[in-house]
Amino acid sequence: MTPKQDTVFVRGLEVECIIGLIDWERRIKQKVVIDLELPIDCARAAVSDDVVDTLDYLSVASLVREFVGQSQFKLVETMAHRLALLLLERFGMEWIRLSINKPGAVRGSRDVGVSIERRRDALSP
């Protein structure tokens, strides 16, 4: 039996960015809400009680805010894919799961978005 993989998660990270196809969406920043699930080894960090032995979620959140805040994608799908690849590369993870929600994108809905999973082999040249 394989042990369950430990994860760090960040939920509900709000970032303002340019996202969308319609002309007005290309002129004003809109809020997106990002959820991340990232693999780690909690046992090592639990023994040492040192952030160097885990994934520093503050550093992850900071990079997400910077990347998404400066982006100008038309599609949430493109934003999610490129963000996943950036995080895989920067933090050396084997996989990542993330969701990006665009609140209010469809009238009458709470939010609309995408959820993706990418693996390290997606970084192949």
N, C-alpha and C. Protein backbone atom coordinates (compact mmCIF):
# COMPACT_ATOMS: atom_id res chain seq x y z
N MET A 1 0.84 -1.18 0.00
CA MET A 1 0.00 0.00 0.00
C MET A 1 0.90 1.25 0.00
N THR A 2 0.58 2.20 -0.88
CA THR A 2 1.34 3.45 -0.98
C THR A 2 0.79 4.48 0.01
N PRO A 3 1.67 5.13 0.78
CA PRO A 3 1.17 6.14 1.72
C PRO A 3 0.56 7.33 0.97
N LYS A 4 -0.39 7.97 1.61
CA LYS A 4 -1.03 9.15 1.03
C LYS A 4 -0.02 10.29 0.92
N GLN A 5 -0.06 10.98 -0.19
CA GLN A 5 0.82 12.13 -0.42
C GLN A 5 0.33 13.32 0.41
N ASP A 6 1.26 13.93 1.14
CA ASP A 6 0.93 15.14 1.88
C ASP A 6 0.82 16.31 0.92
N THR A 7 0.03 17.30 1.28
CA THR A 7 -0.11 18.49 0.44
C THR A 7 -0.16 19.75 1.28
N VAL A 8 0.23 20.83 0.65
CA VAL A 8 -0.01 22.17 1.17
C VAL A 8 -1.07 22.76 0.25
N PHE A 9 -2.03 23.48 0.81
CA PHE A 9 -3.02 24.12 -0.05
C PHE A 9 -3.13 25.60 0.27
N VAL A 10 -3.49 26.34 -0.74
CA VAL A 10 -3.83 27.75 -0.62
C VAL A 10 -5.19 27.88 -1.28
N ARG A 11 -6.17 28.39 -0.55
CA ARG A 11 -7.53 28.50 -1.10
C ARG A 11 -8.00 29.94 -1.03
N GLY A 12 -8.68 30.34 -2.09
CA GLY A 12 -9.31 31.65 -2.10
C GLY A 12 -8.36 32.83 -2.26
N LEU A 13 -7.23 32.61 -2.92
CA LEU A 13 -6.27 33.69 -3.14
C LEU A 13 -6.83 34.63 -4.22
N GLU A 14 -7.14 35.86 -3.85
CA GLU A 14 -7.75 36.82 -4.77
C GLU A 14 -6.68 37.70 -5.40
N VAL A 15 -6.76 37.83 -6.73
CA VAL A 15 -5.81 38.65 -7.47
C VAL A 15 -6.58 39.43 -8.54
N GLU A 16 -6.24 40.69 -8.69
CA GLU A 16 -6.82 41.53 -9.75
C GLU A 16 -5.95 41.44 -10.99
N CYS A 17 -6.58 41.25 -12.16
CA CYS A 17 -5.82 41.11 -13.41
C CYS A 17 -6.71 41.44 -14.61
N ILE A 18 -6.06 41.52 -15.75
CA ILE A 18 -6.78 41.66 -17.02
C ILE A 18 -7.05 40.25 -17.52
N ILE A 19 -8.32 39.90 -17.66
CA ILE A 19 -8.70 38.56 -18.13
C ILE A 19 -10.01 38.66 -18.89
N GLY A 20 -10.06 38.10 -20.08
CA GLY A 20 -11.32 38.07 -20.82
C GLY A 20 -11.16 38.41 -22.28
N LEU A 21 -12.22 38.15 -23.03
CA LEU A 21 -12.25 38.34 -24.48
C LEU A 21 -12.90 39.66 -24.89
N ILE A 22 -13.85 40.11 -24.11
CA ILE A 22 -14.66 41.27 -24.48
C ILE A 22 -13.86 42.55 -24.29
N ASP A 23 -14.11 43.55 -25.14
CA ASP A 23 -13.34 44.80 -25.11
C ASP A 23 -13.26 45.41 -23.72
N TRP A 24 -14.39 45.50 -23.00
CA TRP A 24 -14.34 46.14 -21.68
C TRP A 24 -13.49 45.34 -20.71
N GLU A 25 -13.43 44.00 -20.90
CA GLU A 25 -12.60 43.16 -20.03
C GLU A 25 -11.11 43.40 -20.25
N ARG A 26 -10.77 43.90 -21.41
CA ARG A 26 -9.37 44.15 -21.75
C ARG A 26 -8.91 45.50 -21.21
N ARG A 27 -9.86 46.30 -20.69
CA ARG A 27 -9.51 47.64 -20.19
C ARG A 27 -9.49 47.77 -18.68
N ILE A 28 -10.17 46.86 -17.97
CA ILE A 28 -10.22 46.99 -16.50
C ILE A 28 -9.77 45.69 -15.83
N LYS A 29 -9.23 45.83 -14.66
CA LYS A 29 -8.82 44.64 -13.90
C LYS A 29 -10.05 44.02 -13.25
N GLN A 30 -10.07 42.69 -13.26
CA GLN A 30 -11.13 41.92 -12.64
C GLN A 30 -10.52 40.98 -11.61
N LYS A 31 -11.31 40.56 -10.67
CA LYS A 31 -10.84 39.63 -9.65
C LYS A 31 -10.94 38.20 -10.15
N VAL A 32 -9.87 37.44 -9.92
CA VAL A 32 -9.91 35.99 -10.05
C VAL A 32 -9.58 35.41 -8.68
N VAL A 33 -10.09 34.21 -8.42
CA VAL A 33 -9.86 33.54 -7.15
C VAL A 33 -9.16 32.21 -7.46
N ILE A 34 -8.01 32.01 -6.82
CA ILE A 34 -7.14 30.87 -7.14
C ILE A 34 -7.03 29.94 -5.94
N ASP A 35 -7.17 28.65 -6.22
CA ASP A 35 -6.95 27.59 -5.24
C ASP A 35 -5.81 26.72 -5.74
N LEU A 36 -4.89 26.39 -4.84
CA LEU A 36 -3.73 25.58 -5.17
C LEU A 36 -3.63 24.37 -4.26
N GLU A 37 -3.19 23.26 -4.81
CA GLU A 37 -2.84 22.07 -4.02
C GLU A 37 -1.47 21.63 -4.49
N LEU A 38 -0.52 21.55 -3.54
CA LEU A 38 0.89 21.34 -3.86
C LEU A 38 1.46 20.19 -3.03
N PRO A 39 2.23 19.28 -3.64
CA PRO A 39 2.76 18.14 -2.90
C PRO A 39 3.96 18.52 -2.02
N ILE A 40 3.98 17.97 -0.82
CA ILE A 40 5.12 18.17 0.08
C ILE A 40 5.30 16.92 0.93
N ASP A 41 6.36 16.91 1.72
CA ASP A 41 6.59 15.86 2.70
C ASP A 41 6.47 16.50 4.08
N CYS A 42 5.30 16.39 4.68
CA CYS A 42 5.07 17.00 5.99
C CYS A 42 5.91 16.36 7.09
N ALA A 43 6.26 15.09 6.95
CA ALA A 43 7.00 14.39 8.00
C ALA A 43 8.36 15.04 8.25
N ARG A 44 9.08 15.35 7.21
CA ARG A 44 10.40 15.97 7.37
C ARG A 44 10.29 17.32 8.06
N ALA A 45 9.34 18.14 7.63
CA ALA A 45 9.15 19.46 8.24
C ALA A 45 8.67 19.34 9.68
N ALA A 46 7.85 18.34 9.95
CA ALA A 46 7.34 18.15 11.31
C ALA A 46 8.47 17.81 12.29
N VAL A 47 9.45 17.07 11.83
CA VAL A 47 10.59 16.71 12.68
C VAL A 47 11.49 17.91 12.93
N SER A 48 11.78 18.66 11.86
CA SER A 48 12.73 19.79 11.99
C SER A 48 12.07 21.07 12.48
N ASP A 49 10.77 21.24 12.22
CA ASP A 49 10.05 22.47 12.53
C ASP A 49 10.70 23.67 11.86
N ASP A 50 11.19 23.45 10.63
CA ASP A 50 11.92 24.48 9.88
C ASP A 50 11.30 24.62 8.49
N VAL A 51 11.03 25.85 8.08
CA VAL A 51 10.39 26.11 6.79
C VAL A 51 11.23 25.62 5.61
N VAL A 52 12.52 25.48 5.76
CA VAL A 52 13.35 24.98 4.65
C VAL A 52 13.03 23.54 4.31
N ASP A 53 12.36 22.82 5.20
CA ASP A 53 12.01 21.43 4.96
C ASP A 53 10.58 21.25 4.46
N THR A 54 9.98 22.32 4.03
CA THR A 54 8.62 22.24 3.49
C THR A 54 8.53 23.19 2.30
N LEU A 55 7.36 23.32 1.76
CA LEU A 55 7.10 24.27 0.68
C LEU A 55 6.58 25.55 1.30
N ASP A 56 7.29 26.62 1.11
CA ASP A 56 6.93 27.91 1.70
C ASP A 56 5.73 28.50 0.95
N TYR A 57 4.54 28.32 1.50
CA TYR A 57 3.33 28.77 0.80
C TYR A 57 3.25 30.28 0.67
N LEU A 58 3.96 31.03 1.52
CA LEU A 58 4.00 32.48 1.35
C LEU A 58 4.76 32.86 0.07
N SER A 59 5.84 32.15 -0.21
CA SER A 59 6.59 32.38 -1.45
C SER A 59 5.77 31.99 -2.67
N VAL A 60 5.05 30.88 -2.56
CA VAL A 60 4.17 30.44 -3.65
C VAL A 60 3.11 31.50 -3.91
N ALA A 61 2.42 31.95 -2.87
CA ALA A 61 1.35 32.94 -3.02
C ALA A 61 1.88 34.25 -3.59
N SER A 62 3.07 34.64 -3.17
CA SER A 62 3.68 35.87 -3.68
C SER A 62 3.94 35.77 -5.18
N LEU A 63 4.48 34.65 -5.62
CA LEU A 63 4.73 34.46 -7.06
C LEU A 63 3.43 34.42 -7.84
N VAL A 64 2.41 33.77 -7.30
CA VAL A 64 1.10 33.73 -7.96
C VAL A 64 0.54 35.14 -8.12
N ARG A 65 0.57 35.93 -7.04
CA ARG A 65 0.06 37.31 -7.11
C ARG A 65 0.81 38.12 -8.16
N GLU A 66 2.13 38.00 -8.17
CA GLU A 66 2.95 38.76 -9.13
C GLU A 66 2.64 38.34 -10.56
N PHE A 67 2.66 37.04 -10.84
CA PHE A 67 2.44 36.54 -12.20
C PHE A 67 1.04 36.89 -12.70
N VAL A 68 0.02 36.55 -11.92
CA VAL A 68 -1.36 36.78 -12.35
C VAL A 68 -1.66 38.27 -12.41
N GLY A 69 -1.20 39.03 -11.44
CA GLY A 69 -1.45 40.47 -11.42
C GLY A 69 -0.89 41.21 -12.61
N GLN A 70 0.21 40.70 -13.17
CA GLN A 70 0.83 41.33 -14.33
C GLN A 70 0.36 40.74 -15.66
N SER A 71 -0.46 39.70 -15.60
CA SER A 71 -0.87 39.01 -16.82
C SER A 71 -2.01 39.74 -17.53
N GLN A 72 -2.17 39.38 -18.80
CA GLN A 72 -3.27 39.91 -19.60
C GLN A 72 -3.77 38.83 -20.55
N PHE A 73 -4.24 37.73 -19.99
CA PHE A 73 -4.71 36.61 -20.80
C PHE A 73 -6.16 36.83 -21.23
N LYS A 74 -6.51 36.23 -22.35
CA LYS A 74 -7.89 36.23 -22.80
C LYS A 74 -8.67 35.08 -22.15
N LEU A 75 -8.00 33.94 -21.97
CA LEU A 75 -8.67 32.75 -21.45
C LEU A 75 -8.15 32.36 -20.08
N VAL A 76 -9.05 31.97 -19.21
CA VAL A 76 -8.68 31.46 -17.90
C VAL A 76 -7.88 30.17 -18.08
N GLU A 77 -8.19 29.39 -19.10
CA GLU A 77 -7.47 28.16 -19.38
C GLU A 77 -5.98 28.41 -19.62
N THR A 78 -5.68 29.47 -20.38
CA THR A 78 -4.29 29.82 -20.66
C THR A 78 -3.59 30.26 -19.38
N MET A 79 -4.25 31.09 -18.61
CA MET A 79 -3.68 31.55 -17.34
C MET A 79 -3.36 30.37 -16.43
N ALA A 80 -4.29 29.45 -16.29
CA ALA A 80 -4.11 28.29 -15.40
C ALA A 80 -2.93 27.44 -15.86
N HIS A 81 -2.85 27.14 -17.14
CA HIS A 81 -1.78 26.30 -17.68
C HIS A 81 -0.41 26.95 -17.45
N ARG A 82 -0.30 28.20 -17.80
CA ARG A 82 1.01 28.88 -17.67
C ARG A 82 1.40 29.07 -16.21
N LEU A 83 0.44 29.35 -15.35
CA LEU A 83 0.73 29.46 -13.93
C LEU A 83 1.21 28.11 -13.38
N ALA A 84 0.55 27.04 -13.76
CA ALA A 84 0.95 25.71 -13.29
C ALA A 84 2.38 25.40 -13.71
N LEU A 85 2.73 25.66 -14.96
CA LEU A 85 4.09 25.39 -15.43
C LEU A 85 5.12 26.24 -14.70
N LEU A 86 4.80 27.50 -14.45
CA LEU A 86 5.71 28.38 -13.72
C LEU A 86 5.98 27.84 -12.31
N LEU A 87 4.93 27.44 -11.61
CA LEU A 87 5.08 26.95 -10.25
C LEU A 87 5.83 25.62 -10.21
N LEU A 88 5.55 24.73 -11.17
CA LEU A 88 6.28 23.47 -11.25
C LEU A 88 7.78 23.71 -11.42
N GLU A 89 8.09 24.62 -12.31
CA GLU A 89 9.50 24.91 -12.58
C GLU A 89 10.17 25.60 -11.39
N ARG A 90 9.54 26.61 -10.87
CA ARG A 90 10.16 27.43 -9.82
C ARG A 90 10.35 26.67 -8.51
N PHE A 91 9.38 25.82 -8.16
CA PHE A 91 9.44 25.16 -6.86
C PHE A 91 9.80 23.68 -6.94
N GLY A 92 10.07 23.17 -8.16
CA GLY A 92 10.56 21.81 -8.32
C GLY A 92 9.60 20.72 -7.88
N MET A 93 8.31 20.99 -7.96
CA MET A 93 7.30 20.01 -7.54
C MET A 93 7.08 18.97 -8.63
N GLU A 94 6.56 17.81 -8.24
CA GLU A 94 6.26 16.75 -9.21
C GLU A 94 4.91 16.98 -9.90
N TRP A 95 3.99 17.63 -9.21
CA TRP A 95 2.67 17.90 -9.78
C TRP A 95 2.06 19.11 -9.07
N ILE A 96 1.00 19.62 -9.65
CA ILE A 96 0.24 20.71 -9.06
C ILE A 96 -1.21 20.59 -9.50
N ARG A 97 -2.10 20.93 -8.61
CA ARG A 97 -3.52 21.07 -8.95
C ARG A 97 -3.89 22.51 -8.66
N LEU A 98 -4.59 23.13 -9.59
CA LEU A 98 -5.04 24.49 -9.33
C LEU A 98 -6.36 24.77 -10.00
N SER A 99 -7.08 25.68 -9.39
CA SER A 99 -8.36 26.15 -9.93
C SER A 99 -8.31 27.66 -9.99
N ILE A 100 -8.85 28.21 -11.06
CA ILE A 100 -9.01 29.66 -11.17
C ILE A 100 -10.47 29.94 -11.44
N ASN A 101 -11.07 30.71 -10.55
CA ASN A 101 -12.47 31.11 -10.67
C ASN A 101 -12.55 32.57 -11.07
N LYS A 102 -13.49 32.85 -11.94
CA LYS A 102 -13.74 34.22 -12.37
C LYS A 102 -15.15 34.59 -11.92
N PRO A 103 -15.28 35.14 -10.70
CA PRO A 103 -16.60 35.45 -10.15
C PRO A 103 -17.40 36.38 -11.08
N GLY A 104 -18.68 36.06 -11.24
CA GLY A 104 -19.55 36.93 -12.01
C GLY A 104 -19.42 36.80 -13.51
N ALA A 105 -18.66 35.83 -14.01
CA ALA A 105 -18.46 35.70 -15.45
C ALA A 105 -19.74 35.29 -16.17
N VAL A 106 -20.61 34.57 -15.49
CA VAL A 106 -21.88 34.16 -16.07
C VAL A 106 -22.99 34.64 -15.13
N ARG A 107 -23.88 35.44 -15.66
CA ARG A 107 -24.97 35.98 -14.87
C ARG A 107 -25.75 34.86 -14.19
N GLY A 108 -25.98 35.05 -12.90
CA GLY A 108 -26.73 34.07 -12.13
C GLY A 108 -25.87 32.99 -11.49
N SER A 109 -24.56 32.99 -11.80
CA SER A 109 -23.68 31.99 -11.18
C SER A 109 -22.76 32.67 -10.17
N ARG A 110 -22.32 31.93 -9.19
CA ARG A 110 -21.38 32.48 -8.22
C ARG A 110 -20.02 32.71 -8.87
N ASP A 111 -19.54 31.70 -9.62
CA ASP A 111 -18.29 31.87 -10.34
C ASP A 111 -18.18 30.81 -11.43
N VAL A 112 -17.24 31.03 -12.32
CA VAL A 112 -16.96 30.14 -13.43
C VAL A 112 -15.45 30.04 -13.52
N GLY A 113 -14.95 28.88 -13.87
CA GLY A 113 -13.50 28.77 -13.97
C GLY A 113 -13.06 27.41 -14.46
N VAL A 114 -11.78 27.12 -14.20
CA VAL A 114 -11.20 25.86 -14.60
C VAL A 114 -10.42 25.26 -13.44
N SER A 115 -10.32 23.94 -13.45
CA SER A 115 -9.46 23.21 -12.53
C SER A 115 -8.56 22.33 -13.38
N ILE A 116 -7.26 22.38 -13.10
CA ILE A 116 -6.32 21.59 -13.89
C ILE A 116 -5.33 20.89 -12.96
N GLU A 117 -4.71 19.86 -13.49
CA GLU A 117 -3.58 19.20 -12.84
C GLU A 117 -2.49 19.08 -13.89
N ARG A 118 -1.29 19.46 -13.50
CA ARG A 118 -0.13 19.33 -14.39
C ARG A 118 0.96 18.60 -13.65
N ARG A 119 1.74 17.83 -14.41
CA ARG A 119 2.86 17.08 -13.85
C ARG A 119 4.17 17.66 -14.38
N ARG A 120 5.22 17.34 -13.68
CA ARG A 120 6.55 17.86 -14.01
C ARG A 120 6.95 17.56 -15.45
N ASP A 121 6.53 16.43 -15.99
CA ASP A 121 6.91 16.08 -17.37
C ASP A 121 6.31 17.03 -18.40
N ALA A 122 5.36 17.89 -17.99
CA ALA A 122 4.81 18.90 -18.89
C ALA A 122 5.84 20.00 -19.19
N LEU A 123 6.95 20.02 -18.43
CA LEU A 123 7.99 21.02 -18.63
C LEU A 123 8.98 20.61 -19.72
N SER A 124 8.84 19.41 -20.25
CA SER A 124 9.78 18.92 -21.26
C SER A 124 9.95 19.92 -22.39
N PRO A 125 11.19 20.06 -22.86
CA PRO A 125 11.47 21.06 -23.93
C PRO A 125 10.77 20.77 -25.23
